[in-house]
């Protein structure tokens, strides 16, 4: 049986929520936003890895299908849906968003520690380096247009500067308002990337399916009835993996959209006494992250 564990950021946010009666409305809201963002970020990182695993499994089946054919597949030609550098890049971006949300909650509630400051500075340095790399057209593991590169580079460096310098201490509502376009740009980058990944994964699976079908049809009597049955049974599994990967990436996109919308609502409600729309957005953000977790945790382990 699998268990979900609270990471320090989520635990800290939960403590804030439990002590809500003694916190300001802004502190309560930023704590709730941080808690929900933490769920989304954790499960987004796991969803990326699960999508890679499913795609890898499907490619291995294609390798097996072509192994004894006239054009055998070179194992070195197997290509991950997302390479290690790409996974690291996405992790840095997501961790930056999580650290930003946690920093808002910490400062709004008066919490401060050297450990939290160091974490913010480290995430800030990573984002600034990533922003410089994107602006210099350095490969970072994400396909991106020049226009997206400019907007994302500016956003990442702004978020990195904020985390590294802790400028939030001046005015949380102002920081949230000023950072909203940057959070939006970063979320748009991730959404564009996810759309590309969904398209690539779909084409990969169709190619794998065609290879498996061709192998079965050309094998003829060289396969026993039992072997032929086993090979045919792989076809629906390939289709199931294709659908699972697409569903998971669609859920990931929904979580990123909810994150951007929730931050918009947080910026709008930063100085308001009542914020029912923000509360609804935070609930939706948390729910999208939990659905993502339920999905990838339901996938069979190899």
Protein backbone atom coordinates (compact mmCIF):
# COMPACT_ATOMS: atom_id res chain seq x y z
CA UNK A 1 0.00 0.00 0.00
CA UNK A 2 1.34 3.41 -0.95
CA UNK A 3 1.25 6.33 1.44
CA UNK A 4 1.47 10.04 0.79
CA UNK A 5 3.89 11.89 3.02
CA UNK A 6 3.86 15.54 3.97
CA UNK A 7 7.08 17.27 2.99
CA UNK A 8 8.40 20.09 5.19
CA UNK A 9 6.77 22.82 3.10
CA UNK A 10 3.37 21.17 3.31
CA UNK A 11 3.79 20.49 7.03
CA UNK A 12 4.70 24.11 7.65
CA UNK A 13 1.65 25.28 5.70
CA UNK A 14 -0.58 22.89 7.64
CA UNK A 15 0.71 24.35 10.91
CA UNK A 16 -0.20 27.80 9.63
CA UNK A 17 -3.67 26.63 8.71
CA UNK A 18 -4.25 24.99 12.09
CA UNK A 19 -3.22 28.20 13.78
CA UNK A 20 -5.41 30.24 11.43
CA UNK A 21 -7.33 31.96 14.19
CA UNK A 22 -4.16 33.85 15.21
CA UNK A 23 -3.04 34.77 11.70
CA UNK A 24 -4.08 37.63 9.46
CA UNK A 25 -6.32 36.93 6.44
CA UNK A 26 -3.32 37.45 4.15
CA UNK A 27 -1.24 34.96 6.12
CA UNK A 28 -4.03 32.39 5.98
CA UNK A 29 -4.44 32.87 2.24
CA UNK A 30 -0.75 32.63 1.40
CA UNK A 31 -0.42 29.56 3.65
CA UNK A 32 -3.33 27.86 1.86
CA UNK A 33 -1.87 28.82 -1.52
CA UNK A 34 1.53 27.45 -0.50
CA UNK A 35 0.05 24.18 0.74
CA UNK A 36 -1.92 23.63 -2.48
CA UNK A 37 1.06 24.64 -4.65
CA UNK A 38 3.25 22.17 -2.80
CA UNK A 39 0.83 19.34 -3.61
CA UNK A 40 0.76 20.31 -7.28
CA UNK A 41 4.54 20.62 -7.58
CA UNK A 42 5.27 17.29 -5.90
CA UNK A 43 2.77 15.44 -8.02
CA UNK A 44 3.77 17.26 -11.22
CA UNK A 45 7.35 16.09 -10.82
CA UNK A 46 6.14 12.51 -10.26
CA UNK A 47 3.78 12.75 -13.26
CA UNK A 48 6.65 13.76 -15.54
CA UNK A 49 8.66 10.76 -14.38
CA UNK A 50 5.70 8.40 -14.76
CA UNK A 51 5.12 9.62 -18.33
CA UNK A 52 8.78 8.93 -19.13
CA UNK A 53 8.53 5.45 -17.61
CA UNK A 54 5.45 4.51 -19.61
CA UNK A 55 7.03 5.77 -22.83
CA UNK A 56 10.26 3.88 -22.09
CA UNK A 57 8.31 0.65 -21.54
CA UNK A 58 6.56 1.07 -24.87
CA UNK A 59 9.84 1.70 -26.68
CA UNK A 60 11.32 -1.45 -25.18
CA UNK A 61 8.42 -3.43 -26.62
CA UNK A 62 9.24 -1.95 -30.04
CA UNK A 63 12.90 -2.94 -29.58
CA UNK A 64 11.84 -6.51 -28.86
CA UNK A 65 9.45 -6.58 -31.83
CA UNK A 66 12.17 -5.49 -34.26
CA UNK A 67 15.04 -7.44 -32.71
CA UNK A 68 15.06 -10.32 -35.24
CA UNK A 69 13.69 -8.31 -38.17
CA UNK A 70 15.53 -7.27 -41.33
CA UNK A 71 16.01 -3.85 -39.74
CA UNK A 72 16.67 -4.49 -36.05
CA UNK A 73 16.48 -1.51 -33.72
CA UNK A 74 19.69 -0.29 -32.12
CA UNK A 75 19.20 -0.13 -28.32
CA UNK A 76 21.27 3.08 -28.34
CA UNK A 77 18.57 4.73 -30.47
CA UNK A 78 15.99 4.57 -27.67
CA UNK A 79 15.06 8.13 -26.75
CA UNK A 80 13.37 9.19 -23.53
CA UNK A 81 10.23 11.31 -23.80
CA UNK A 82 12.10 13.69 -21.47
CA UNK A 83 15.87 13.37 -21.05
CA UNK A 84 17.59 13.80 -17.65
CA UNK A 85 18.49 17.43 -18.40
CA UNK A 86 14.89 18.14 -19.34
CA UNK A 87 13.62 16.58 -16.11
CA UNK A 88 16.10 18.66 -14.12
CA UNK A 89 15.01 21.85 -15.87
CA UNK A 90 11.34 21.22 -15.18
CA UNK A 91 12.14 20.34 -11.57
CA UNK A 92 14.01 23.64 -11.12
CA UNK A 93 11.11 25.63 -12.53
CA UNK A 94 8.53 23.84 -10.39
CA UNK A 95 10.69 24.07 -7.29
CA UNK A 96 11.04 27.80 -7.89
CA UNK A 97 7.27 28.20 -7.90
CA UNK A 98 6.92 26.11 -4.75
CA UNK A 99 9.64 28.07 -2.94
CA UNK A 100 8.06 31.34 -4.01
CA UNK A 101 4.68 30.27 -2.58
CA UNK A 102 6.27 29.04 0.64
CA UNK A 103 8.24 32.28 1.04
CA UNK A 104 5.04 34.33 0.73
CA UNK A 105 3.46 32.21 3.45
CA UNK A 106 6.51 32.38 5.72
CA UNK A 107 6.84 36.15 5.56
CA UNK A 108 3.09 36.79 5.81
CA UNK A 109 2.97 34.76 9.03
CA UNK A 110 6.17 36.18 10.49
CA UNK A 111 8.09 32.91 10.22
CA UNK A 112 11.80 33.23 9.52
CA UNK A 113 14.76 30.86 9.69
CA UNK A 114 18.21 30.57 8.17
CA UNK A 115 17.22 27.23 6.64
CA UNK A 116 14.23 28.69 4.82
CA UNK A 117 16.26 31.70 3.67
CA UNK A 118 18.99 29.43 2.32
CA UNK A 119 16.42 27.34 0.43
CA UNK A 120 14.97 30.47 -1.15
CA UNK A 121 18.40 31.78 -2.13
CA UNK A 122 19.38 28.41 -3.64
CA UNK A 123 16.16 28.20 -5.69
CA UNK A 124 16.63 31.81 -6.73
CA UNK A 125 20.16 31.15 -7.97
CA UNK A 126 18.96 28.13 -9.98
CA UNK A 127 16.20 30.16 -11.63
CA UNK A 128 18.51 33.04 -12.50
CA UNK A 129 20.98 30.64 -14.12
CA UNK A 130 18.13 28.99 -16.01
CA UNK A 131 16.85 32.39 -17.13
CA UNK A 132 20.33 33.30 -18.40
CA UNK A 133 20.60 29.98 -20.22
CA UNK A 134 17.25 30.41 -21.94
CA UNK A 135 18.04 33.98 -22.98
CA UNK A 136 21.35 32.77 -24.43
CA UNK A 137 19.59 30.01 -26.42
CA UNK A 138 21.43 27.35 -24.44
CA UNK A 139 19.76 23.91 -24.63
CA UNK A 140 17.81 23.42 -21.41
CA UNK A 141 15.75 20.35 -22.27
CA UNK A 142 12.56 22.24 -23.21
CA UNK A 143 11.51 23.18 -26.74
CA UNK A 144 10.81 26.91 -26.77
CA UNK A 145 10.20 29.65 -29.33
CA UNK A 146 12.26 32.89 -29.31
CA UNK A 147 9.21 34.80 -28.03
CA UNK A 148 8.67 32.29 -25.23
CA UNK A 149 12.39 32.40 -24.45
CA UNK A 150 12.33 36.16 -23.96
CA UNK A 151 9.23 36.14 -21.75
CA UNK A 152 10.37 33.12 -19.76
CA UNK A 153 13.90 34.39 -19.27
CA UNK A 154 12.58 37.66 -17.86
CA UNK A 155 10.10 35.85 -15.61
CA UNK A 156 12.59 33.29 -14.30
CA UNK A 157 15.21 35.92 -13.50
CA UNK A 158 12.61 38.12 -11.79
CA UNK A 159 11.44 35.21 -9.66
CA UNK A 160 15.05 34.25 -8.99
CA UNK A 161 15.95 37.80 -7.94
CA UNK A 162 12.97 37.89 -5.61
CA UNK A 163 13.85 34.59 -3.92
CA UNK A 164 17.53 35.39 -3.62
CA UNK A 165 17.01 38.85 -2.17
CA UNK A 166 13.82 38.24 -0.13
CA UNK A 167 12.32 41.52 -1.39
CA UNK A 168 8.96 40.27 -0.15
CA UNK A 169 9.71 41.85 3.22
CA UNK A 170 8.58 45.21 1.91
CA UNK A 171 4.96 44.43 1.04
CA UNK A 172 3.47 41.01 0.37
CA UNK A 173 0.42 42.31 -1.56
CA UNK A 174 2.68 44.41 -3.81
CA UNK A 175 5.03 41.50 -4.42
CA UNK A 176 2.16 39.17 -5.34
CA UNK A 177 0.77 41.80 -7.70
CA UNK A 178 4.17 42.49 -9.30
CA UNK A 179 5.05 38.80 -9.62
CA UNK A 180 1.72 37.79 -11.18
CA UNK A 181 2.83 38.37 -14.82
CA UNK A 182 6.02 36.38 -14.14
CA UNK A 183 4.16 33.45 -12.61
CA UNK A 184 1.82 33.56 -15.60
CA UNK A 185 4.74 33.49 -18.07
CA UNK A 186 6.34 30.54 -16.31
CA UNK A 187 3.06 28.61 -16.25
CA UNK A 188 2.57 29.38 -19.96
CA UNK A 189 6.02 27.93 -20.68
CA UNK A 190 5.11 24.72 -18.85
CA UNK A 191 1.74 24.51 -20.65
CA UNK A 192 3.38 24.96 -24.05
CA UNK A 193 5.91 22.29 -23.16
CA UNK A 194 3.23 19.86 -22.02
CA UNK A 195 1.36 20.31 -25.33
CA UNK A 196 4.56 19.39 -27.19
CA UNK A 197 5.10 16.37 -24.96
CA UNK A 198 1.54 15.13 -25.54
CA UNK A 199 1.99 15.38 -29.29
CA UNK A 200 5.38 13.64 -29.20
CA UNK A 201 4.13 10.87 -26.93
CA UNK A 202 1.09 10.26 -29.16
CA UNK A 203 3.28 9.89 -32.26
CA UNK A 204 5.72 7.64 -30.38
CA UNK A 205 2.96 5.27 -29.33
CA UNK A 206 1.44 5.11 -32.81
CA UNK A 207 4.84 4.17 -34.24
CA UNK A 208 5.33 1.55 -31.53
CA UNK A 209 1.86 0.15 -32.19
CA UNK A 210 2.54 -0.06 -35.93
CA UNK A 211 5.85 -1.85 -35.31
CA UNK A 212 4.23 -4.40 -33.02
CA UNK A 213 1.41 -5.02 -35.48
CA UNK A 214 3.90 -5.43 -38.35
CA UNK A 215 5.97 -7.87 -36.31
CA UNK A 216 2.96 -10.08 -35.58
CA UNK A 217 1.76 -10.11 -39.19
CA UNK A 218 5.17 -10.88 -40.67
CA UNK A 219 6.14 -13.48 -38.07
CA UNK A 220 3.53 -15.85 -39.46
CA UNK A 221 4.04 -19.48 -38.53
CA UNK A 222 7.38 -18.76 -36.85
CA UNK A 223 5.34 -17.99 -33.74
CA UNK A 224 3.52 -20.72 -31.88
CA UNK A 225 -0.14 -20.18 -31.08
CA UNK A 226 0.81 -19.28 -27.50
CA UNK A 227 3.53 -16.87 -28.60
CA UNK A 228 1.25 -15.25 -31.15
CA UNK A 229 -1.43 -14.77 -28.54
CA UNK A 230 1.08 -13.16 -26.16
CA UNK A 231 2.28 -10.74 -28.86
CA UNK A 232 -1.28 -9.76 -29.81
CA UNK A 233 -2.06 -9.09 -26.15
CA UNK A 234 0.67 -6.42 -26.17
CA UNK A 235 -1.32 -4.28 -28.61
CA UNK A 236 -4.04 -3.18 -26.17
CA UNK A 237 -1.38 -2.59 -23.49
CA UNK A 238 0.43 -0.19 -25.83
CA UNK A 239 -2.85 1.63 -26.44
CA UNK A 240 -3.55 1.69 -22.70
CA UNK A 241 -0.14 3.22 -22.02
CA UNK A 242 -0.74 5.79 -24.74
CA UNK A 243 -4.04 6.81 -23.15
CA UNK A 244 -2.57 6.79 -19.64
CA UNK A 245 0.31 9.03 -20.70
CA UNK A 246 -2.01 11.46 -22.47
CA UNK A 247 -4.45 11.55 -19.54
CA UNK A 248 -1.63 12.17 -17.10
CA UNK A 249 -0.14 14.99 -19.17
CA UNK A 250 -3.62 16.49 -19.58
CA UNK A 251 -4.03 16.38 -15.79
CA UNK A 252 -0.63 17.99 -15.41
CA UNK A 253 -1.66 20.80 -17.76
CA UNK A 254 -4.85 21.32 -15.74
CA UNK A 255 -2.83 21.64 -12.52
CA UNK A 256 -0.51 24.23 -14.06
CA UNK A 257 -3.51 26.20 -15.37
CA UNK A 258 -5.09 26.10 -11.93
CA UNK A 259 -1.84 27.35 -10.40
CA UNK A 260 -1.79 30.40 -12.69
CA UNK A 261 -5.49 31.13 -12.08
CA UNK A 262 -5.08 30.76 -8.33
CA UNK A 263 -2.16 33.17 -8.27
CA UNK A 264 -4.25 35.68 -10.25
CA UNK A 265 -6.95 35.35 -7.61
CA UNK A 266 -4.39 35.72 -4.81
CA UNK A 267 -3.10 38.95 -6.36
CA UNK A 268 -6.64 40.29 -6.68
CA UNK A 269 -7.56 39.34 -3.11
CA UNK A 270 -4.30 40.33 -1.39
CA UNK A 271 -5.86 43.45 0.14
CA UNK A 272 -9.49 42.29 0.40
CA UNK A 273 -11.31 41.34 3.58
CA UNK A 274 -13.28 38.59 1.91
CA UNK A 275 -12.02 36.37 -0.89
CA UNK A 276 -14.57 33.65 -1.76
CA UNK A 277 -13.26 33.34 -5.31
CA UNK A 278 -9.72 32.79 -4.02
CA UNK A 279 -10.91 30.12 -1.62
CA UNK A 280 -12.61 28.33 -4.51
CA UNK A 281 -9.50 28.61 -6.65
CA UNK A 282 -7.28 27.21 -3.91
CA UNK A 283 -9.70 24.30 -3.45
CA UNK A 284 -9.59 23.63 -7.21
CA UNK A 285 -5.78 23.84 -7.21
CA UNK A 286 -5.49 21.37 -4.36
CA UNK A 287 -8.01 19.02 -5.98
CA UNK A 288 -6.16 19.06 -9.31
CA UNK A 289 -2.91 18.13 -7.57
CA UNK A 290 -4.58 15.32 -5.65
CA UNK A 291 -6.18 13.96 -8.84
CA UNK A 292 -2.75 13.91 -10.44
CA UNK A 293 -1.40 11.91 -7.50
CA UNK A 294 -4.30 9.45 -7.63
CA UNK A 295 -3.62 8.93 -11.31
CA UNK A 296 0.08 8.18 -11.29
CA UNK A 297 -0.20 6.15 -8.07
CA UNK A 298 -2.75 3.91 -9.82
CA UNK A 299 -0.27 3.00 -12.54
CA UNK A 300 1.19 -0.53 -12.29
CA UNK A 301 4.74 -0.81 -11.07
CA UNK A 302 7.27 -2.71 -13.12
